[in-house]
Amino acid sequence: MADRHLEPDTPELRARWGAFAWTKDNAAKAKEIVARYPAGRQRSAVMPLLDLAQRQVGAETDTQGWLPIPVMEYVARELDMPIIRVVEVASFYTMYNLVPVGRFHVQVCGTTPCMLRGSDDIMAACKKRGMHKGHTTDDGLWTLTEVECMGNCASAPMVQINDDNYEDLTADRLDAVLDALAAGKSPKAGTQEPGRHTVEPLGGPTTLKEMVKANHDYRGEW
């Protein structure tokens, strides 16, 4: 599981992020997000605002983004919240990065279905490229994290890289995805199994076949 801790609040961190503020576009997005919630419930916007802040940090650093303490303080002021409440949210959900990450955050699922389907090979392929759990490579390209179930058990093993999932992986298939990302390309997300669209059986359905093209009524046949 990912080791969760805050990046130390140093003078250098304050110098870099102490003046954080929304860009013009993100200020408009933040206003629209807060307006979704009824009067007196604006603090409910903390999660989407933290995501927006993380993405802005990512755009400024050419990484997937993370949440320095001064940035979380900014969100707290925006929502008139105690900073500890914002930190509680950010530290609970692993979608928020609490320390700097690379351009691509590679999150490998190691839960039982993925493990049984070869997640150890996936992790080994990452390590072969110089990745180590909880660390960013020296070139700033990759950060590797082992995580718990991300809900793609039917197409295991899988990894999440930034906003996309890559499923039905082998070491070779993952290498192809990572090579494409490193080259600035956008590899196909989702299943990497040829002929598979989502998580349907290879070769098509094996039951309820008549439902593929029409709403077939089976009641008289059971």
C-alpha atoms as a PDB file:
ATOM      1  CA  MET A   1       0.000   0.000   0.000  1.00  0.00           C
ATOM      2  CA  ALA A   2       1.133   3.560  -0.659  1.00  0.00           C
ATOM      3  CA  ASP A   3       3.046   5.222   2.171  1.00  0.00           C
ATOM      4  CA  ARG A   4       1.137   8.399   2.982  1.00  0.00           C
ATOM      5  CA  HIS A   5       2.993  11.350   4.470  1.00  0.00           C
ATOM      6  CA  LEU A   6       3.129  15.099   3.916  1.00  0.00           C
ATOM      7  CA  GLU A   7       6.081  16.771   2.261  1.00  0.00           C
ATOM      8  CA  PRO A   8       7.920  18.719   5.005  1.00  0.00           C
ATOM      9  CA  ASP A   9       6.860  22.369   5.310  1.00  0.00           C
ATOM     10  CA  THR A  10      10.223  24.012   4.668  1.00  0.00           C
ATOM     11  CA  PRO A  11      11.213  27.602   3.806  1.00  0.00           C
ATOM     12  CA  GLU A  12      12.027  26.381   0.313  1.00  0.00           C
ATOM     13  CA  LEU A  13       8.525  24.926  -0.033  1.00  0.00           C
ATOM     14  CA  ARG A  14       7.032  28.226   1.147  1.00  0.00           C
ATOM     15  CA  ALA A  15       9.182  30.177  -1.280  1.00  0.00           C
ATOM     16  CA  ARG A  16       7.969  28.060  -4.186  1.00  0.00           C
ATOM     17  CA  TRP A  17       4.298  27.633  -3.334  1.00  0.00           C
ATOM     18  CA  GLY A  18       3.429  30.248  -0.725  1.00  0.00           C
ATOM     19  CA  ALA A  19       1.992  32.603  -3.355  1.00  0.00           C
ATOM     20  CA  PHE A  20      -0.116  29.937  -5.059  1.00  0.00           C
ATOM     21  CA  ALA A  21      -3.332  31.252  -6.599  1.00  0.00           C
ATOM     22  CA  TRP A  22      -5.720  30.054  -9.257  1.00  0.00           C
ATOM     23  CA  THR A  23      -4.949  30.797 -12.853  1.00  0.00           C
ATOM     24  CA  LYS A  24      -7.623  32.830 -14.616  1.00  0.00           C
ATOM     25  CA  ASP A  25      -9.192  29.717 -16.136  1.00  0.00           C
ATOM     26  CA  ASN A  26      -9.053  27.741 -12.902  1.00  0.00           C
ATOM     27  CA  ALA A  27     -10.532  30.634 -10.939  1.00  0.00           C
ATOM     28  CA  ALA A  28     -13.569  30.431 -13.203  1.00  0.00           C
ATOM     29  CA  LYS A  29     -13.697  26.643 -12.791  1.00  0.00           C
ATOM     30  CA  ALA A  30     -13.414  26.951  -9.010  1.00  0.00           C
ATOM     31  CA  LYS A  31     -16.275  29.454  -8.920  1.00  0.00           C
ATOM     32  CA  GLU A  32     -18.444  27.115 -10.981  1.00  0.00           C
ATOM     33  CA  ILE A  33     -17.572  24.141  -8.755  1.00  0.00           C
ATOM     34  CA  VAL A  34     -18.453  25.947  -5.527  1.00  0.00           C
ATOM     35  CA  ALA A  35     -21.737  27.132  -7.050  1.00  0.00           C
ATOM     36  CA  ARG A  36     -22.882  23.512  -7.385  1.00  0.00           C
ATOM     37  CA  TYR A  37     -23.423  23.293  -3.644  1.00  0.00           C
ATOM     38  CA  PRO A  38     -26.282  24.873  -1.660  1.00  0.00           C
ATOM     39  CA  ALA A  39     -25.719  27.816   0.642  1.00  0.00           C
ATOM     40  CA  GLY A  40     -23.854  26.783   3.761  1.00  0.00           C
ATOM     41  CA  ARG A  41     -22.479  23.635   2.110  1.00  0.00           C
ATOM     42  CA  GLN A  42     -19.633  25.152   0.110  1.00  0.00           C
ATOM     43  CA  ARG A  43     -17.066  23.134   2.043  1.00  0.00           C
ATOM     44  CA  SER A  44     -18.373  20.086   0.190  1.00  0.00           C
ATOM     45  CA  ALA A  45     -16.390  21.426  -2.778  1.00  0.00           C
ATOM     46  CA  VAL A  46     -13.101  20.555  -1.069  1.00  0.00           C
ATOM     47  CA  MET A  47     -12.503  17.388  -3.101  1.00  0.00           C
ATOM     48  CA  PRO A  48     -12.949  18.872  -6.596  1.00  0.00           C
ATOM     49  CA  LEU A  49     -10.980  21.970  -5.566  1.00  0.00           C
ATOM     50  CA  LEU A  50      -8.104  19.836  -4.325  1.00  0.00           C
ATOM     51  CA  ASP A  51      -8.151  17.971  -7.623  1.00  0.00           C
ATOM     52  CA  LEU A  52      -8.146  21.267  -9.517  1.00  0.00           C
ATOM     53  CA  ALA A  53      -5.238  22.546  -7.414  1.00  0.00           C
ATOM     54  CA  GLN A  54      -3.263  19.350  -7.947  1.00  0.00           C
ATOM     55  CA  ARG A  55      -3.775  19.622 -11.707  1.00  0.00           C
ATOM     56  CA  GLN A  56      -2.629  23.252 -11.674  1.00  0.00           C
ATOM     57  CA  VAL A  57       0.524  22.272  -9.790  1.00  0.00           C
ATOM     58  CA  GLY A  58       1.018  19.505 -12.337  1.00  0.00           C
ATOM     59  CA  ALA A  59       0.696  21.933 -15.235  1.00  0.00           C
ATOM     60  CA  GLU A  60       3.263  24.239 -13.627  1.00  0.00           C
ATOM     61  CA  THR A  61       5.766  21.443 -12.936  1.00  0.00           C
ATOM     62  CA  ASP A  62       5.137  19.181 -15.958  1.00  0.00           C
ATOM     63  CA  THR A  63       4.215  16.322 -13.639  1.00  0.00           C
ATOM     64  CA  GLN A  64       1.025  14.583 -12.611  1.00  0.00           C
ATOM     65  CA  GLY A  65       0.767  17.143  -9.812  1.00  0.00           C
ATOM     66  CA  TRP A  66       0.729  17.107  -6.034  1.00  0.00           C
ATOM     67  CA  LEU A  67      -0.485  19.145  -3.049  1.00  0.00           C
ATOM     68  CA  PRO A  68       2.111  21.184  -1.136  1.00  0.00           C
ATOM     69  CA  ILE A  69       0.934  22.395   2.257  1.00  0.00           C
ATOM     70  CA  PRO A  70       0.668  26.054   1.121  1.00  0.00           C
ATOM     71  CA  VAL A  71      -1.579  24.936  -1.738  1.00  0.00           C
ATOM     72  CA  MET A  72      -3.853  23.096   0.689  1.00  0.00           C
ATOM     73  CA  GLU A  73      -3.895  26.229   2.849  1.00  0.00           C
ATOM     74  CA  TYR A  74      -5.046  28.199  -0.191  1.00  0.00           C
ATOM     75  CA  VAL A  75      -7.936  25.782  -0.748  1.00  0.00           C
ATOM     76  CA  ALA A  76      -8.797  26.014   2.953  1.00  0.00           C
ATOM     77  CA  ARG A  77      -9.015  29.809   2.724  1.00  0.00           C
ATOM     78  CA  GLU A  78     -11.129  29.577  -0.420  1.00  0.00           C
ATOM     79  CA  LEU A  79     -13.678  27.452   1.445  1.00  0.00           C
ATOM     80  CA  ASP A  80     -13.283  29.033   4.904  1.00  0.00           C
ATOM     81  CA  MET A  81     -12.177  25.686   6.333  1.00  0.00           C
ATOM     82  CA  PRO A  82      -9.627  24.805   9.000  1.00  0.00           C
ATOM     83  CA  ILE A  83      -6.504  23.596   7.248  1.00  0.00           C
ATOM     84  CA  ILE A  84      -6.554  20.343   9.233  1.00  0.00           C
ATOM     85  CA  ARG A  85      -9.900  19.444   7.630  1.00  0.00           C
ATOM     86  CA  VAL A  86      -8.419  19.899   4.165  1.00  0.00           C
ATOM     87  CA  VAL A  87      -5.355  17.840   5.086  1.00  0.00           C
ATOM     88  CA  GLU A  88      -7.628  15.103   6.450  1.00  0.00           C
ATOM     89  CA  VAL A  89      -9.351  14.825   3.073  1.00  0.00           C
ATOM     90  CA  ALA A  90      -6.139  14.989   1.045  1.00  0.00           C
ATOM     91  CA  SER A  91      -4.390  12.393   3.179  1.00  0.00           C
ATOM     92  CA  PHE A  92      -7.343   9.976   3.160  1.00  0.00           C
ATOM     93  CA  TYR A  93      -7.856   9.701  -0.602  1.00  0.00           C
ATOM     94  CA  THR A  94      -4.943   8.312  -2.587  1.00  0.00           C
ATOM     95  CA  MET A  95      -6.041  10.252  -5.678  1.00  0.00           C
ATOM     96  CA  TYR A  96      -4.238  13.182  -4.051  1.00  0.00           C
ATOM     97  CA  ASN A  97      -0.446  13.142  -4.102  1.00  0.00           C
ATOM     98  CA  LEU A  98       1.078  14.495  -0.900  1.00  0.00           C
ATOM     99  CA  VAL A  99       4.653  14.548  -2.174  1.00  0.00           C
ATOM    100  CA  PRO A 100       6.152  15.455  -5.559  1.00  0.00           C
ATOM    101  CA  VAL A 101       5.659  12.879  -8.303  1.00  0.00           C
ATOM    102  CA  GLY A 102       6.999  12.440 -11.808  1.00  0.00           C
ATOM    103  CA  ARG A 103       5.426  13.224 -15.137  1.00  0.00           C
ATOM    104  CA  PHE A 104       3.790   9.797 -15.053  1.00  0.00           C
ATOM    105  CA  HIS A 105       2.531   8.269 -11.813  1.00  0.00           C
ATOM    106  CA  VAL A 106       2.503   4.496 -12.334  1.00  0.00           C
ATOM    107  CA  GLN A 107       0.187   2.840  -9.809  1.00  0.00           C
ATOM    108  CA  VAL A 108       0.397  -0.944  -9.910  1.00  0.00           C
ATOM    109  CA  CYS A 109      -2.433  -2.929  -8.348  1.00  0.00           C
ATOM    110  CA  GLY A 110      -1.140  -5.736  -6.158  1.00  0.00           C
ATOM    111  CA  THR A 111      -4.435  -7.058  -4.790  1.00  0.00           C
ATOM    112  CA  THR A 112      -5.292 -10.757  -5.151  1.00  0.00           C
ATOM    113  CA  PRO A 113      -6.937 -10.840  -8.637  1.00  0.00           C
ATOM    114  CA  CYS A 114      -4.107  -8.813 -10.157  1.00  0.00           C
ATOM    115  CA  MET A 115      -1.500 -10.798  -8.234  1.00  0.00           C
ATOM    116  CA  LEU A 116      -2.923 -14.089  -9.506  1.00  0.00           C
ATOM    117  CA  ARG A 117      -2.900 -12.729 -13.047  1.00  0.00           C
ATOM    118  CA  GLY A 118       0.711 -11.567 -12.977  1.00  0.00           C
ATOM    119  CA  SER A 119       1.091  -8.259 -11.157  1.00  0.00           C
ATOM    120  CA  ASP A 120       4.514  -9.414  -9.927  1.00  0.00           C
ATOM    121  CA  ASP A 121       5.642  -9.451 -13.572  1.00  0.00           C
ATOM    122  CA  ILE A 122       4.203  -5.968 -14.030  1.00  0.00           C
ATOM    123  CA  MET A 123       6.095  -4.691 -11.002  1.00  0.00           C
ATOM    124  CA  ALA A 124       9.273  -6.367 -12.241  1.00  0.00           C
ATOM    125  CA  ALA A 125       8.903  -4.630 -15.616  1.00  0.00           C
ATOM    126  CA  CYS A 126       8.677  -1.292 -13.819  1.00  0.00           C
ATOM    127  CA  LYS A 127      11.739  -2.020 -11.713  1.00  0.00           C
ATOM    128  CA  LYS A 128      13.648  -3.058 -14.830  1.00  0.00           C
ATOM    129  CA  ARG A 129      13.265   0.554 -15.993  1.00  0.00           C
ATOM    130  CA  GLY A 130      14.760   1.886 -12.774  1.00  0.00           C
ATOM    131  CA  MET A 131      11.518   2.496 -10.897  1.00  0.00           C
ATOM    132  CA  HIS A 132      11.282   1.787  -7.183  1.00  0.00           C
ATOM    133  CA  LYS A 133       8.182   1.850  -5.035  1.00  0.00           C
ATOM    134  CA  GLY A 134       7.620   5.222  -3.424  1.00  0.00           C
ATOM    135  CA  HIS A 135      10.290   6.986  -5.497  1.00  0.00           C
ATOM    136  CA  THR A 136      10.605   9.076  -8.632  1.00  0.00           C
ATOM    137  CA  THR A 137      13.241   8.218 -11.226  1.00  0.00           C
ATOM    138  CA  ASP A 138      16.179  10.590 -11.590  1.00  0.00           C
ATOM    139  CA  ASP A 139      14.909  11.851 -14.941  1.00  0.00           C
ATOM    140  CA  GLY A 140      11.629  12.885 -13.313  1.00  0.00           C
ATOM    141  CA  LEU A 141       9.631  10.723 -15.698  1.00  0.00           C
ATOM    142  CA  TRP A 142       8.201   7.945 -13.514  1.00  0.00           C
ATOM    143  CA  THR A 143       6.882   7.598  -9.977  1.00  0.00           C
ATOM    144  CA  LEU A 144       5.998   4.054  -8.893  1.00  0.00           C
ATOM    145  CA  THR A 145       3.372   3.197  -6.285  1.00  0.00           C
ATOM    146  CA  GLU A 146       1.827  -0.135  -5.342  1.00  0.00           C
ATOM    147  CA  VAL A 147      -1.864   0.281  -4.559  1.00  0.00           C
ATOM    148  CA  GLU A 148      -4.834  -1.773  -3.496  1.00  0.00           C
ATOM    149  CA  CYS A 149      -7.794  -2.756  -5.680  1.00  0.00           C
ATOM    150  CA  MET A 150      -8.814  -0.183  -8.297  1.00  0.00           C
ATOM    151  CA  GLY A 151     -11.873  -2.065  -9.478  1.00  0.00           C
ATOM    152  CA  ASN A 152     -10.659  -3.694 -12.704  1.00  0.00           C
ATOM    153  CA  CYS A 153     -10.526  -7.266 -11.408  1.00  0.00           C
ATOM    154  CA  ALA A 154     -12.200  -8.697 -14.536  1.00  0.00           C
ATOM    155  CA  SER A 155      -9.355  -7.362 -16.678  1.00  0.00           C
ATOM    156  CA  ALA A 156      -6.461  -7.936 -14.304  1.00  0.00           C
ATOM    157  CA  PRO A 157      -3.609  -7.221 -14.039  1.00  0.00           C
ATOM    158  CA  MET A 158      -3.877  -3.483 -14.430  1.00  0.00           C
ATOM    159  CA  VAL A 159      -2.102  -0.242 -13.683  1.00  0.00           C
ATOM    160  CA  GLN A 160      -3.310   3.314 -13.469  1.00  0.00           C
ATOM    161  CA  ILE A 161      -1.025   5.925 -15.041  1.00  0.00           C
ATOM    162  CA  ASN A 162      -2.160   9.476 -14.318  1.00  0.00           C
ATOM    163  CA  ASP A 163      -5.826   9.550 -15.393  1.00  0.00           C
ATOM    164  CA  ASP A 164      -5.899   6.348 -17.451  1.00  0.00           C
ATOM    165  CA  ASN A 165      -6.181   2.651 -16.673  1.00  0.00           C
ATOM    166  CA  TYR A 166      -4.322  -0.001 -18.666  1.00  0.00           C
ATOM    167  CA  GLU A 167      -5.688  -3.521 -18.281  1.00  0.00           C
ATOM    168  CA  ASP A 168      -5.101  -7.133 -19.349  1.00  0.00           C
ATOM    169  CA  LEU A 169      -1.406  -6.416 -19.091  1.00  0.00           C
ATOM    170  CA  THR A 170       1.668  -8.503 -19.602  1.00  0.00           C
ATOM    171  CA  ALA A 171       5.195  -7.246 -19.088  1.00  0.00           C
ATOM    172  CA  ASP A 172       5.552  -6.738 -22.840  1.00  0.00           C
ATOM    173  CA  ARG A 173       2.245  -4.878 -23.109  1.00  0.00           C
ATOM    174  CA  LEU A 174       3.192  -2.600 -20.250  1.00  0.00           C
ATOM    175  CA  ASP A 175       6.555  -1.929 -21.891  1.00  0.00           C
ATOM    176  CA  ALA A 176       4.725  -0.840 -25.041  1.00  0.00           C
ATOM    177  CA  VAL A 177       2.534   1.544 -23.027  1.00  0.00           C
ATOM    178  CA  LEU A 178       5.492   3.030 -21.150  1.00  0.00           C
ATOM    179  CA  ASP A 179       7.533   3.391 -24.352  1.00  0.00           C
ATOM    180  CA  ALA A 180       4.671   5.282 -25.971  1.00  0.00           C
ATOM    181  CA  LEU A 181       4.237   7.605 -22.998  1.00  0.00           C
ATOM    182  CA  ALA A 182       7.970   8.314 -22.830  1.00  0.00           C
ATOM    183  CA  ALA A 183       7.882   9.201 -26.531  1.00  0.00           C
ATOM    184  CA  GLY A 184       5.102  11.719 -25.977  1.00  0.00           C
ATOM    185  CA  LYS A 185       2.405   9.535 -27.526  1.00  0.00           C
ATOM    186  CA  SER A 186      -1.040   8.630 -26.182  1.00  0.00           C
ATOM    187  CA  PRO A 187      -1.360   4.843 -26.026  1.00  0.00           C
ATOM    188  CA  LYS A 188      -4.798   3.253 -26.055  1.00  0.00           C
ATOM    189  CA  ALA A 189      -6.235   3.170 -22.555  1.00  0.00           C
ATOM    190  CA  GLY A 190      -8.296   0.312 -21.145  1.00  0.00           C
ATOM    191  CA  THR A 191      -7.796  -3.308 -22.085  1.00  0.00           C
ATOM    192  CA  GLN A 192      -4.651  -4.185 -23.992  1.00  0.00           C
ATOM    193  CA  GLU A 193      -6.065  -7.555 -25.059  1.00  0.00           C
ATOM    194  CA  PRO A 194      -6.467  -7.660 -28.868  1.00  0.00           C
ATOM    195  CA  GLY A 195     -10.089  -8.141 -29.847  1.00  0.00           C
ATOM    196  CA  ARG A 196     -11.435  -7.154 -26.456  1.00  0.00           C
ATOM    197  CA  HIS A 197     -13.340  -3.886 -26.100  1.00  0.00           C
ATOM    198  CA  THR A 198     -14.045  -3.700 -22.366  1.00  0.00           C
ATOM    199  CA  VAL A 199     -14.401  -6.768 -20.121  1.00  0.00           C
ATOM    200  CA  GLU A 200     -16.636  -8.907 -22.324  1.00  0.00           C
ATOM    201  CA  PRO A 201     -15.526 -12.518 -22.930  1.00  0.00           C
ATOM    202  CA  LEU A 202     -13.084 -13.028 -25.762  1.00  0.00           C
ATOM    203  CA  GLY A 203     -15.009 -14.339 -28.755  1.00  0.00           C
ATOM    204  CA  GLY A 204     -18.245 -12.762 -27.604  1.00  0.00           C
ATOM    205  CA  PRO A 205     -20.829 -13.625 -24.941  1.00  0.00           C
ATOM    206  CA  THR A 206     -21.395 -17.219 -23.905  1.00  0.00           C
ATOM    207  CA  THR A 207     -24.845 -16.671 -22.374  1.00  0.00           C
ATOM    208  CA  LEU A 208     -27.859 -14.464 -23.199  1.00  0.00           C
ATOM    209  CA  LYS A 209     -26.551 -14.233 -26.750  1.00  0.00           C
ATOM    210  CA  GLU A 210     -29.905 -13.085 -28.116  1.00  0.00           C
ATOM    211  CA  MET A 211     -29.595  -9.911 -26.032  1.00  0.00           C
ATOM    212  CA  VAL A 212     -26.651  -8.657 -28.076  1.00  0.00           C
ATOM    213  CA  LYS A 213     -28.752  -7.018 -30.781  1.00  0.00           C
ATOM    214  CA  ALA A 214     -32.251  -6.929 -29.308  1.00  0.00           C
ATOM    215  CA  ASN A 215     -34.150  -6.965 -26.024  1.00  0.00           C
ATOM    216  CA  HIS A 216     -34.968 -10.658 -26.170  1.00  0.00           C
ATOM    217  CA  ASP A 217     -37.658 -11.969 -23.798  1.00  0.00           C
ATOM    218  CA  TYR A 218     -36.394 -15.177 -22.192  1.00  0.00           C
ATOM    219  CA  ARG A 219     -39.305 -15.610 -19.774  1.00  0.00           C
ATOM    220  CA  GLY A 220     -41.107 -18.195 -21.862  1.00  0.00           C
ATOM    221  CA  GLU A 221     -37.947 -20.245 -22.264  1.00  0.00           C
ATOM    222  CA  TRP A 222     -37.081 -20.672 -18.582  1.00  0.00           C
END
